[in-house]
Structures are given as structure tokens and as C-alpha cells.
Amino acid sequence: MKKKNSDNSELAQITREIRKLQFYFNMLSGLSASCGVMIPLDSVYTAIRELSDQEAILRQKAKDHSDYLGEKGLN
């Protein structure tokens, strides 16, 4: 049970980080467009993609675990 709570906590943290990065990405993108200058956003985009990949893996693990417990009648 402790592992599941740890995974949920990690998933929540990753989700918060993705939202923060998306906010900054959108803000910098808008600033770039309104000022007519190029702001390099590749590193922010890459970080969002990497965190999204981690999030997808954790969500799949949680789903697999839930499916396993459902099959065993424990859920």
C-alpha cells in the first residue's frame, strides 16, 4: 500500500510540474509573439515531453495495478 501512495504522490508532483511548465511555455510564447523576438523554448518543451512520458508510465502502472486487483477481487 505504501508503494501505491508513493506512486500517487509522485504522479501528483509530476502533474503539477507539467502544468507549471505549460504555463511558463505559453507565457513566454505569447511574450515572444507580442514583442516580435525569438525566445528559445526548446528546453521547456523538452522538459514537458519528458515529464509527460513519466506521467504516462506512472498512469499505466496504476491502471495495471488496478486491473490486477480487480481480477483478484481485491479492488
PDB file of N, CA and C in Angstrom:
ATOM      1  N   MET A   1       0.830  -1.197   0.000  1.00  0.00           N
ATOM      2  CA  MET A   1       0.000   0.000   0.000  1.00  0.00           C
ATOM      3  C   MET A   1       0.869   1.253   0.000  1.00  0.00           C
ATOM      4  N   LYS A   2       1.996   1.188   0.699  1.00  0.00           N
ATOM      5  CA  LYS A   2       2.875   2.346   0.783  1.00  0.00           C
ATOM      6  C   LYS A   2       3.406   2.720  -0.603  1.00  0.00           C
ATOM      7  N   LYS A   3       3.729   1.717  -1.411  1.00  0.00           N
ATOM      8  CA  LYS A   3       4.239   1.959  -2.760  1.00  0.00           C
ATOM      9  C   LYS A   3       3.195   2.678  -3.609  1.00  0.00           C
ATOM     10  N   LYS A   4       1.922   2.288  -3.461  1.00  0.00           N
ATOM     11  CA  LYS A   4       0.851   2.914  -4.236  1.00  0.00           C
ATOM     12  C   LYS A   4       0.721   4.394  -3.862  1.00  0.00           C
ATOM     13  N   ASN A   5       0.787   4.703  -2.571  1.00  0.00           N
ATOM     14  CA  ASN A   5       0.717   6.097  -2.136  1.00  0.00           C
ATOM     15  C   ASN A   5       1.901   6.887  -2.655  1.00  0.00           C
ATOM     16  N   SER A   6       3.067   6.261  -2.677  1.00  0.00           N
ATOM     17  CA  SER A   6       4.265   6.913  -3.190  1.00  0.00           C
ATOM     18  C   SER A   6       4.105   7.230  -4.675  1.00  0.00           C
ATOM     19  N   ASP A   7       3.565   6.263  -5.423  1.00  0.00           N
ATOM     20  CA  ASP A   7       3.330   6.469  -6.852  1.00  0.00           C
ATOM     21  C   ASP A   7       2.312   7.576  -7.085  1.00  0.00           C
ATOM     22  N   ASN A   8       1.244   7.594  -6.276  1.00  0.00           N
ATOM     23  CA  ASN A   8       0.220   8.637  -6.415  1.00  0.00           C
ATOM     24  C   ASN A   8       0.811  10.007  -6.115  1.00  0.00           C
ATOM     25  N   SER A   9       1.646  10.080  -5.089  1.00  0.00           N
ATOM     26  CA  SER A   9       2.282  11.340  -4.725  1.00  0.00           C
ATOM     27  C   SER A   9       3.226  11.805  -5.843  1.00  0.00           C
ATOM     28  N   GLU A  10       3.979  10.863  -6.391  1.00  0.00           N
ATOM     29  CA  GLU A  10       4.899  11.198  -7.484  1.00  0.00           C
ATOM     30  C   GLU A  10       4.113  11.643  -8.722  1.00  0.00           C
ATOM     31  N   LEU A  11       3.022  10.978  -9.004  1.00  0.00           N
ATOM     32  CA  LEU A  11       2.177  11.344 -10.141  1.00  0.00           C
ATOM     33  C   LEU A  11       1.609  12.747  -9.959  1.00  0.00           C
ATOM     34  N   ALA A  12       1.156  13.056  -8.755  1.00  0.00           N
ATOM     35  CA  ALA A  12       0.615  14.389  -8.481  1.00  0.00           C
ATOM     36  C   ALA A  12       1.684  15.453  -8.650  1.00  0.00           C
ATOM     37  N   GLN A  13       2.904  15.162  -8.171  1.00  0.00           N
ATOM     38  CA  GLN A  13       4.009  16.113  -8.301  1.00  0.00           C
ATOM     39  C   GLN A  13       4.363  16.345  -9.771  1.00  0.00           C
ATOM     40  N   ILE A  14       4.427  15.276 -10.544  1.00  0.00           N
ATOM     41  CA  ILE A  14       4.740  15.399 -11.973  1.00  0.00           C
ATOM     42  C   ILE A  14       3.662  16.211 -12.677  1.00  0.00           C
ATOM     43  N   THR A  15       2.401  15.958 -12.351  1.00  0.00           N
ATOM     44  CA  THR A  15       1.293  16.699 -12.957  1.00  0.00           C
ATOM     45  C   THR A  15       1.396  18.187 -12.646  1.00  0.00           C
ATOM     46  N   ARG A  16       1.730  18.523 -11.392  1.00  0.00           N
ATOM     47  CA  ARG A  16       1.902  19.940 -11.018  1.00  0.00           C
ATOM     48  C   ARG A  16       3.048  20.579 -11.799  1.00  0.00           C
ATOM     49  N   GLU A  17       4.150  19.856 -11.935  1.00  0.00           N
ATOM     50  CA  GLU A  17       5.302  20.389 -12.664  1.00  0.00           C
ATOM     51  C   GLU A  17       4.974  20.610 -14.142  1.00  0.00           C
ATOM     52  N   ILE A  18       4.238  19.683 -14.729  1.00  0.00           N
ATOM     53  CA  ILE A  18       3.841  19.835 -16.136  1.00  0.00           C
ATOM     54  C   ILE A  18       2.984  21.083 -16.301  1.00  0.00           C
ATOM     55  N   ARG A  19       2.026  21.269 -15.407  1.00  0.00           N
ATOM     56  CA  ARG A  19       1.155  22.454 -15.501  1.00  0.00           C
ATOM     57  C   ARG A  19       1.949  23.744 -15.364  1.00  0.00           C
ATOM     58  N   LYS A  20       2.911  23.765 -14.436  1.00  0.00           N
ATOM     59  CA  LYS A  20       3.744  24.960 -14.275  1.00  0.00           C
ATOM     60  C   LYS A  20       4.544  25.234 -15.541  1.00  0.00           C
ATOM     61  N   LEU A  21       5.162  24.194 -16.085  1.00  0.00           N
ATOM     62  CA  LEU A  21       5.960  24.369 -17.296  1.00  0.00           C
ATOM     63  C   LEU A  21       5.100  24.795 -18.479  1.00  0.00           C
ATOM     64  N   GLN A  22       3.896  24.241 -18.587  1.00  0.00           N
ATOM     65  CA  GLN A  22       2.999  24.641 -19.667  1.00  0.00           C
ATOM     66  C   GLN A  22       2.613  26.111 -19.528  1.00  0.00           C
ATOM     67  N   PHE A  23       2.393  26.552 -18.296  1.00  0.00           N
ATOM     68  CA  PHE A  23       2.078  27.960 -18.058  1.00  0.00           C
ATOM     69  C   PHE A  23       3.233  28.845 -18.527  1.00  0.00           C
ATOM     70  N   TYR A  24       4.453  28.511 -18.104  1.00  0.00           N
ATOM     71  CA  TYR A  24       5.612  29.314 -18.492  1.00  0.00           C
ATOM     72  C   TYR A  24       5.855  29.258 -19.997  1.00  0.00           C
ATOM     73  N   PHE A  25       5.658  28.073 -20.583  1.00  0.00           N
ATOM     74  CA  PHE A  25       5.828  27.936 -22.027  1.00  0.00           C
ATOM     75  C   PHE A  25       4.856  28.855 -22.762  1.00  0.00           C
ATOM     76  N   ASN A  26       3.585  28.829 -22.360  1.00  0.00           N
ATOM     77  CA  ASN A  26       2.573  29.675 -23.007  1.00  0.00           C
ATOM     78  C   ASN A  26       2.853  31.154 -22.780  1.00  0.00           C
ATOM     79  N   MET A  27       3.291  31.496 -21.569  1.00  0.00           N
ATOM     80  CA  MET A  27       3.594  32.890 -21.260  1.00  0.00           C
ATOM     81  C   MET A  27       4.767  33.383 -22.114  1.00  0.00           C
ATOM     82  N   LEU A  28       5.828  32.595 -22.177  1.00  0.00           N
ATOM     83  CA  LEU A  28       6.993  33.002 -22.965  1.00  0.00           C
ATOM     84  C   LEU A  28       6.684  33.014 -24.461  1.00  0.00           C
ATOM     85  N   SER A  29       5.871  32.084 -24.893  1.00  0.00           N
ATOM     86  CA  SER A  29       5.480  32.044 -26.295  1.00  0.00           C
ATOM     87  C   SER A  29       4.680  33.293 -26.668  1.00  0.00           C
ATOM     88  N   GLY A  30       3.745  33.677 -25.807  1.00  0.00           N
ATOM     89  CA  GLY A  30       2.962  34.894 -26.041  1.00  0.00           C
ATOM     90  C   GLY A  30       3.824  36.136 -25.997  1.00  0.00           C
ATOM     91  N   LEU A  31       4.756  36.174 -25.053  1.00  0.00           N
ATOM     92  CA  LEU A  31       5.668  37.311 -24.951  1.00  0.00           C
ATOM     93  C   LEU A  31       6.527  37.421 -26.202  1.00  0.00           C
ATOM     94  N   SER A  32       6.992  36.285 -26.658  1.00  0.00           N
ATOM     95  CA  SER A  32       7.803  36.248 -27.872  1.00  0.00           C
ATOM     96  C   SER A  32       7.023  36.798 -29.059  1.00  0.00           C
ATOM     97  N   ALA A  33       5.778  36.371 -29.199  1.00  0.00           N
ATOM     98  CA  ALA A  33       4.950  36.818 -30.327  1.00  0.00           C
ATOM     99  C   ALA A  33       4.619  38.302 -30.215  1.00  0.00           C
ATOM    100  N   SER A  34       4.312  38.768 -29.024  1.00  0.00           N
ATOM    101  CA  SER A  34       3.910  40.172 -28.879  1.00  0.00           C
ATOM    102  C   SER A  34       5.089  41.127 -29.023  1.00  0.00           C
ATOM    103  N   CYS A  35       6.279  40.666 -28.650  1.00  0.00           N
ATOM    104  CA  CYS A  35       7.464  41.534 -28.759  1.00  0.00           C
ATOM    105  C   CYS A  35       8.183  41.369 -30.090  1.00  0.00           C
ATOM    106  N   GLY A  36       7.823  40.341 -30.817  1.00  0.00           N
ATOM    107  CA  GLY A  36       8.453  40.110 -32.111  1.00  0.00           C
ATOM    108  C   GLY A  36       9.893  39.634 -31.999  1.00  0.00           C
ATOM    109  N   VAL A  37      10.204  38.924 -30.941  1.00  0.00           N
ATOM    110  CA  VAL A  37      11.565  38.384 -30.766  1.00  0.00           C
ATOM    111  C   VAL A  37      11.479  36.870 -30.611  1.00  0.00           C
ATOM    112  N   MET A  38      12.587  36.236 -30.874  1.00  0.00           N
ATOM    113  CA  MET A  38      12.654  34.781 -30.723  1.00  0.00           C
ATOM    114  C   MET A  38      13.138  34.448 -29.314  1.00  0.00           C
ATOM    115  N   ILE A  39      12.349  33.701 -28.584  1.00  0.00           N
ATOM    116  CA  ILE A  39      12.753  33.196 -27.280  1.00  0.00           C
ATOM    117  C   ILE A  39      12.888  31.687 -27.438  1.00  0.00           C
ATOM    118  N   PRO A  40      14.088  31.146 -27.191  1.00  0.00           N
ATOM    119  CA  PRO A  40      14.261  29.697 -27.354  1.00  0.00           C
ATOM    120  C   PRO A  40      13.447  28.930 -26.305  1.00  0.00           C
ATOM    121  N   LEU A  41      12.518  28.129 -26.773  1.00  0.00           N
ATOM    122  CA  LEU A  41      11.633  27.385 -25.888  1.00  0.00           C
ATOM    123  C   LEU A  41      11.849  25.876 -25.972  1.00  0.00           C
ATOM    124  N   ASP A  42      12.880  25.475 -26.701  1.00  0.00           N
ATOM    125  CA  ASP A  42      13.131  24.041 -26.878  1.00  0.00           C
ATOM    126  C   ASP A  42      13.332  23.313 -25.562  1.00  0.00           C
ATOM    127  N   SER A  43      14.081  23.909 -24.641  1.00  0.00           N
ATOM    128  CA  SER A  43      14.366  23.223 -23.377  1.00  0.00           C
ATOM    129  C   SER A  43      13.093  23.066 -22.539  1.00  0.00           C
ATOM    130  N   VAL A  44      12.224  24.052 -22.561  1.00  0.00           N
ATOM    131  CA  VAL A  44      10.970  23.964 -21.816  1.00  0.00           C
ATOM    132  C   VAL A  44      10.086  22.881 -22.446  1.00  0.00           C
ATOM    133  N   TYR A  45      10.012  22.873 -23.760  1.00  0.00           N
ATOM    134  CA  TYR A  45       9.204  21.876 -24.466  1.00  0.00           C
ATOM    135  C   TYR A  45       9.730  20.467 -24.201  1.00  0.00           C
ATOM    136  N   THR A  46      11.051  20.311 -24.220  1.00  0.00           N
ATOM    137  CA  THR A  46      11.660  19.007 -23.954  1.00  0.00           C
ATOM    138  C   THR A  46      11.343  18.537 -22.539  1.00  0.00           C
ATOM    139  N   ALA A  47      11.410  19.435 -21.566  1.00  0.00           N
ATOM    140  CA  ALA A  47      11.100  19.086 -20.179  1.00  0.00           C
ATOM    141  C   ALA A  47       9.637  18.650 -20.053  1.00  0.00           C
ATOM    142  N   ILE A  48       8.743  19.354 -20.731  1.00  0.00           N
ATOM    143  CA  ILE A  48       7.322  18.986 -20.702  1.00  0.00           C
ATOM    144  C   ILE A  48       7.131  17.586 -21.285  1.00  0.00           C
ATOM    145  N   ARG A  49       7.785  17.316 -22.404  1.00  0.00           N
ATOM    146  CA  ARG A  49       7.663  15.994 -23.032  1.00  0.00           C
ATOM    147  C   ARG A  49       8.189  14.887 -22.120  1.00  0.00           C
ATOM    148  N   GLU A  50       9.351  15.118 -21.495  1.00  0.00           N
ATOM    149  CA  GLU A  50       9.929  14.099 -20.618  1.00  0.00           C
ATOM    150  C   GLU A  50       9.032  13.834 -19.411  1.00  0.00           C
ATOM    151  N   LEU A  51       8.507  14.890 -18.818  1.00  0.00           N
ATOM    152  CA  LEU A  51       7.607  14.714 -17.675  1.00  0.00           C
ATOM    153  C   LEU A  51       6.308  14.034 -18.099  1.00  0.00           C
ATOM    154  N   SER A  52       5.825  14.361 -19.284  1.00  0.00           N
ATOM    155  CA  SER A  52       4.608  13.722 -19.793  1.00  0.00           C
ATOM    156  C   SER A  52       4.828  12.227 -19.999  1.00  0.00           C
ATOM    157  N   ASP A  53       6.010  11.855 -20.471  1.00  0.00           N
ATOM    158  CA  ASP A  53       6.346  10.441 -20.631  1.00  0.00           C
ATOM    159  C   ASP A  53       6.349   9.736 -19.277  1.00  0.00           C
ATOM    160  N   GLN A  54       6.956  10.365 -18.269  1.00  0.00           N
ATOM    161  CA  GLN A  54       6.981   9.795 -16.925  1.00  0.00           C
ATOM    162  C   GLN A  54       5.563   9.658 -16.372  1.00  0.00           C
ATOM    163  N   GLU A  55       4.751  10.680 -16.614  1.00  0.00           N
ATOM    164  CA  GLU A  55       3.368  10.664 -16.148  1.00  0.00           C
ATOM    165  C   GLU A  55       2.605   9.498 -16.791  1.00  0.00           C
ATOM    166  N   ALA A  56       2.797   9.302 -18.077  1.00  0.00           N
ATOM    167  CA  ALA A  56       2.112   8.223 -18.789  1.00  0.00           C
ATOM    168  C   ALA A  56       2.524   6.859 -18.233  1.00  0.00           C
ATOM    169  N   ILE A  57       3.799   6.700 -17.930  1.00  0.00           N
ATOM    170  CA  ILE A  57       4.287   5.432 -17.371  1.00  0.00           C
ATOM    171  C   ILE A  57       3.650   5.170 -16.009  1.00  0.00           C
ATOM    172  N   LEU A  58       3.618   6.192 -15.152  1.00  0.00           N
ATOM    173  CA  LEU A  58       3.013   6.018 -13.830  1.00  0.00           C
ATOM    174  C   LEU A  58       1.517   5.739 -13.924  1.00  0.00           C
ATOM    175  N   ARG A  59       0.835   6.419 -14.843  1.00  0.00           N
ATOM    176  CA  ARG A  59      -0.599   6.169 -15.013  1.00  0.00           C
ATOM    177  C   ARG A  59      -0.845   4.736 -15.500  1.00  0.00           C
ATOM    178  N   GLN A  60       0.003   4.254 -16.393  1.00  0.00           N
ATOM    179  CA  GLN A  60      -0.141   2.885 -16.889  1.00  0.00           C
ATOM    180  C   GLN A  60       0.113   1.879 -15.774  1.00  0.00           C
ATOM    181  N   LYS A  61       1.135   2.140 -14.950  1.00  0.00           N
ATOM    182  CA  LYS A  61       1.417   1.255 -13.821  1.00  0.00           C
ATOM    183  C   LYS A  61       0.230   1.215 -12.864  1.00  0.00           C
ATOM    184  N   ALA A  62      -0.367   2.376 -12.594  1.00  0.00           N
ATOM    185  CA  ALA A  62      -1.519   2.437 -11.694  1.00  0.00           C
ATOM    186  C   ALA A  62      -2.700   1.677 -12.294  1.00  0.00           C
ATOM    187  N   LYS A  63      -2.913   1.826 -13.601  1.00  0.00           N
ATOM    188  CA  LYS A  63      -4.013   1.126 -14.269  1.00  0.00           C
ATOM    189  C   LYS A  63      -3.778  -0.379 -14.231  1.00  0.00           C
ATOM    190  N   ASP A  64      -2.553  -0.801 -14.516  1.00  0.00           N
ATOM    191  CA  ASP A  64      -2.228  -2.228 -14.486  1.00  0.00           C
ATOM    192  C   ASP A  64      -2.443  -2.799 -13.090  1.00  0.00           C
ATOM    193  N   HIS A  65      -2.021  -2.044 -12.085  1.00  0.00           N
ATOM    194  CA  HIS A  65      -2.184  -2.479 -10.698  1.00  0.00           C
ATOM    195  C   HIS A  65      -3.667  -2.593 -10.345  1.00  0.00           C
ATOM    196  N   SER A  66      -4.440  -1.607 -10.760  1.00  0.00           N
ATOM    197  CA  SER A  66      -5.878  -1.609 -10.503  1.00  0.00           C
ATOM    198  C   SER A  66      -6.549  -2.783 -11.215  1.00  0.00           C
ATOM    199  N   ASP A  67      -6.145  -3.023 -12.464  1.00  0.00           N
ATOM    200  CA  ASP A  67      -6.698  -4.149 -13.221  1.00  0.00           C
ATOM    201  C   ASP A  67      -6.359  -5.472 -12.542  1.00  0.00           C
ATOM    202  N   TYR A  68      -5.129  -5.577 -12.046  1.00  0.00           N
ATOM    203  CA  TYR A  68      -4.687  -6.797 -11.365  1.00  0.00           C
ATOM    204  C   TYR A  68      -5.525  -7.036 -10.110  1.00  0.00           C
ATOM    205  N   LEU A  69      -5.730  -5.979  -9.328  1.00  0.00           N
ATOM    206  CA  LEU A  69      -6.532  -6.111  -8.110  1.00  0.00           C
ATOM    207  C   LEU A  69      -7.983  -6.430  -8.448  1.00  0.00           C
ATOM    208  N   GLY A  70      -8.490  -5.859  -9.540  1.00  0.00           N
ATOM    209  CA  GLY A  70      -9.855  -6.140  -9.974  1.00  0.00           C
ATOM    210  C   GLY A  70     -10.030  -7.603 -10.364  1.00  0.00           C
ATOM    211  N   GLU A  71      -9.013  -8.170 -11.024  1.00  0.00           N
ATOM    212  CA  GLU A  71      -9.073  -9.566 -11.413  1.00  0.00           C
ATOM    213  C   GLU A  71      -9.060 -10.485 -10.194  1.00  0.00           C
ATOM    214  N   LYS A  72      -8.339 -10.068  -9.172  1.00  0.00           N
ATOM    215  CA  LYS A  72      -8.216 -10.871  -7.956  1.00  0.00           C
ATOM    216  C   LYS A  72      -9.382 -10.642  -7.003  1.00  0.00           C
ATOM    217  N   GLY A  73     -10.260  -9.688  -7.335  1.00  0.00           N
ATOM    218  CA  GLY A  73     -11.395  -9.407  -6.472  1.00  0.00           C
ATOM    219  C   GLY A  73     -11.009  -8.621  -5.227  1.00  0.00           C
ATOM    220  N   LEU A  74      -9.877  -7.929  -5.294  1.00  0.00           N
ATOM    221  CA  LEU A  74      -9.385  -7.176  -4.133  1.00  0.00           C
ATOM    222  C   LEU A  74      -9.709  -5.709  -4.212  1.00  0.00           C
ATOM    223  N   ASN A  75     -10.201  -5.252  -5.325  1.00  0.00           N
ATOM    224  CA  ASN A  75     -10.435  -3.831  -5.516  1.00  0.00           C
ATOM    225  C   ASN A  75     -11.833  -3.436  -5.173  1.00  0.00           C
TER     226      ASN A  75
END
